[in-house]
Amino acid sequence: MFVMIFVIVVGFQAVYVYTSLKEKQRLNEKIAYQSSLIRDLTEDVVCLDERPQGGFRHVS
């Protein structure tokens, strides 16, 4: 009986960890996409005195 409860608890924990990692990965991909979109949109921003500003600085 104890072994069955232990297996169920470990199984639920494994599912929780797996879904947490997948959610974290999905959020990281979303953040990376939004960062690249912002970088692309602000890359060629020109100020009123026509000097290029370059948008957000990023490290490749």
C-alpha atoms as a PDB file:
ATOM      1  CA  MET A   1       0.000   0.000   0.000  1.00  0.00           C
ATOM      2  CA  PHE A   2       2.802   2.407   0.927  1.00  0.00           C
ATOM      3  CA  VAL A   3       4.641   1.614  -2.315  1.00  0.00           C
ATOM      4  CA  MET A   4       1.550   2.397  -4.402  1.00  0.00           C
ATOM      5  CA  ILE A   5       1.064   5.766  -2.674  1.00  0.00           C
ATOM      6  CA  PHE A   6       4.770   6.525  -3.112  1.00  0.00           C
ATOM      7  CA  VAL A   7       4.608   5.710  -6.843  1.00  0.00           C
ATOM      8  CA  ILE A   8       1.539   7.935  -7.281  1.00  0.00           C
ATOM      9  CA  VAL A   9       3.158  10.855  -5.436  1.00  0.00           C
ATOM     10  CA  VAL A  10       6.398  10.533  -7.417  1.00  0.00           C
ATOM     11  CA  GLY A  11       4.383  10.310 -10.640  1.00  0.00           C
ATOM     12  CA  PHE A  12       2.473  13.499  -9.864  1.00  0.00           C
ATOM     13  CA  GLN A  13       5.711  15.291  -8.996  1.00  0.00           C
ATOM     14  CA  ALA A  14       7.289  14.161 -12.272  1.00  0.00           C
ATOM     15  CA  VAL A  15       4.312  15.467 -14.246  1.00  0.00           C
ATOM     16  CA  TYR A  16       4.435  18.774 -12.350  1.00  0.00           C
ATOM     17  CA  VAL A  17       8.163  19.225 -13.008  1.00  0.00           C
ATOM     18  CA  TYR A  18       7.744  18.317 -16.688  1.00  0.00           C
ATOM     19  CA  THR A  19       4.893  20.783 -17.226  1.00  0.00           C
ATOM     20  CA  SER A  20       6.762  23.494 -15.292  1.00  0.00           C
ATOM     21  CA  LEU A  21       9.816  23.066 -17.517  1.00  0.00           C
ATOM     22  CA  LYS A  22       7.688  23.150 -20.673  1.00  0.00           C
ATOM     23  CA  GLU A  23       5.935  26.325 -19.489  1.00  0.00           C
ATOM     24  CA  LYS A  24       9.285  27.933 -18.642  1.00  0.00           C
ATOM     25  CA  GLN A  25      10.637  27.014 -22.085  1.00  0.00           C
ATOM     26  CA  ARG A  26       7.525  28.446 -23.773  1.00  0.00           C
ATOM     27  CA  LEU A  27       7.848  31.709 -21.840  1.00  0.00           C
ATOM     28  CA  ASN A  28      11.557  31.989 -22.683  1.00  0.00           C
ATOM     29  CA  GLU A  29      10.770  31.509 -26.380  1.00  0.00           C
ATOM     30  CA  LYS A  30       8.075  34.181 -26.171  1.00  0.00           C
ATOM     31  CA  ILE A  31      10.466  36.608 -24.450  1.00  0.00           C
ATOM     32  CA  ALA A  32      13.172  35.934 -27.050  1.00  0.00           C
ATOM     33  CA  TYR A  33      10.687  36.539 -29.880  1.00  0.00           C
ATOM     34  CA  GLN A  34       9.446  39.792 -28.349  1.00  0.00           C
ATOM     35  CA  SER A  35      13.011  40.986 -27.734  1.00  0.00           C
ATOM     36  CA  SER A  36      14.000  40.299 -31.334  1.00  0.00           C
ATOM     37  CA  LEU A  37      10.833  42.023 -32.559  1.00  0.00           C
ATOM     38  CA  ILE A  38      11.580  45.122 -30.465  1.00  0.00           C
ATOM     39  CA  ARG A  39      15.189  45.092 -31.661  1.00  0.00           C
ATOM     40  CA  ASP A  40      14.083  44.835 -35.308  1.00  0.00           C
ATOM     41  CA  LEU A  41      11.542  47.635 -34.909  1.00  0.00           C
ATOM     42  CA  THR A  42      13.974  50.008 -33.202  1.00  0.00           C
ATOM     43  CA  GLU A  43      17.090  49.107 -35.189  1.00  0.00           C
ATOM     44  CA  ASP A  44      16.934  51.969 -37.689  1.00  0.00           C
ATOM     45  CA  VAL A  45      15.307  54.619 -35.512  1.00  0.00           C
ATOM     46  CA  VAL A  46      16.470  58.081 -36.546  1.00  0.00           C
ATOM     47  CA  CYS A  47      16.295  61.060 -34.216  1.00  0.00           C
ATOM     48  CA  LEU A  48      15.012  64.461 -35.367  1.00  0.00           C
ATOM     49  CA  ASP A  49      18.570  65.567 -36.093  1.00  0.00           C
ATOM     50  CA  GLU A  50      18.891  62.475 -38.357  1.00  0.00           C
ATOM     51  CA  ARG A  51      21.472  60.692 -36.249  1.00  0.00           C
ATOM     52  CA  PRO A  52      20.846  56.940 -36.011  1.00  0.00           C
ATOM     53  CA  GLN A  53      20.115  55.886 -32.449  1.00  0.00           C
ATOM     54  CA  GLY A  54      20.268  52.110 -32.933  1.00  0.00           C
ATOM     55  CA  GLY A  55      17.430  51.236 -30.556  1.00  0.00           C
ATOM     56  CA  PHE A  56      18.198  48.895 -27.693  1.00  0.00           C
ATOM     57  CA  ARG A  57      21.762  47.701 -27.476  1.00  0.00           C
ATOM     58  CA  HIS A  58      22.010  43.927 -27.487  1.00  0.00           C
ATOM     59  CA  VAL A  59      24.831  41.468 -27.036  1.00  0.00           C
ATOM     60  CA  SER A  60      25.069  38.674 -29.557  1.00  0.00           C
END
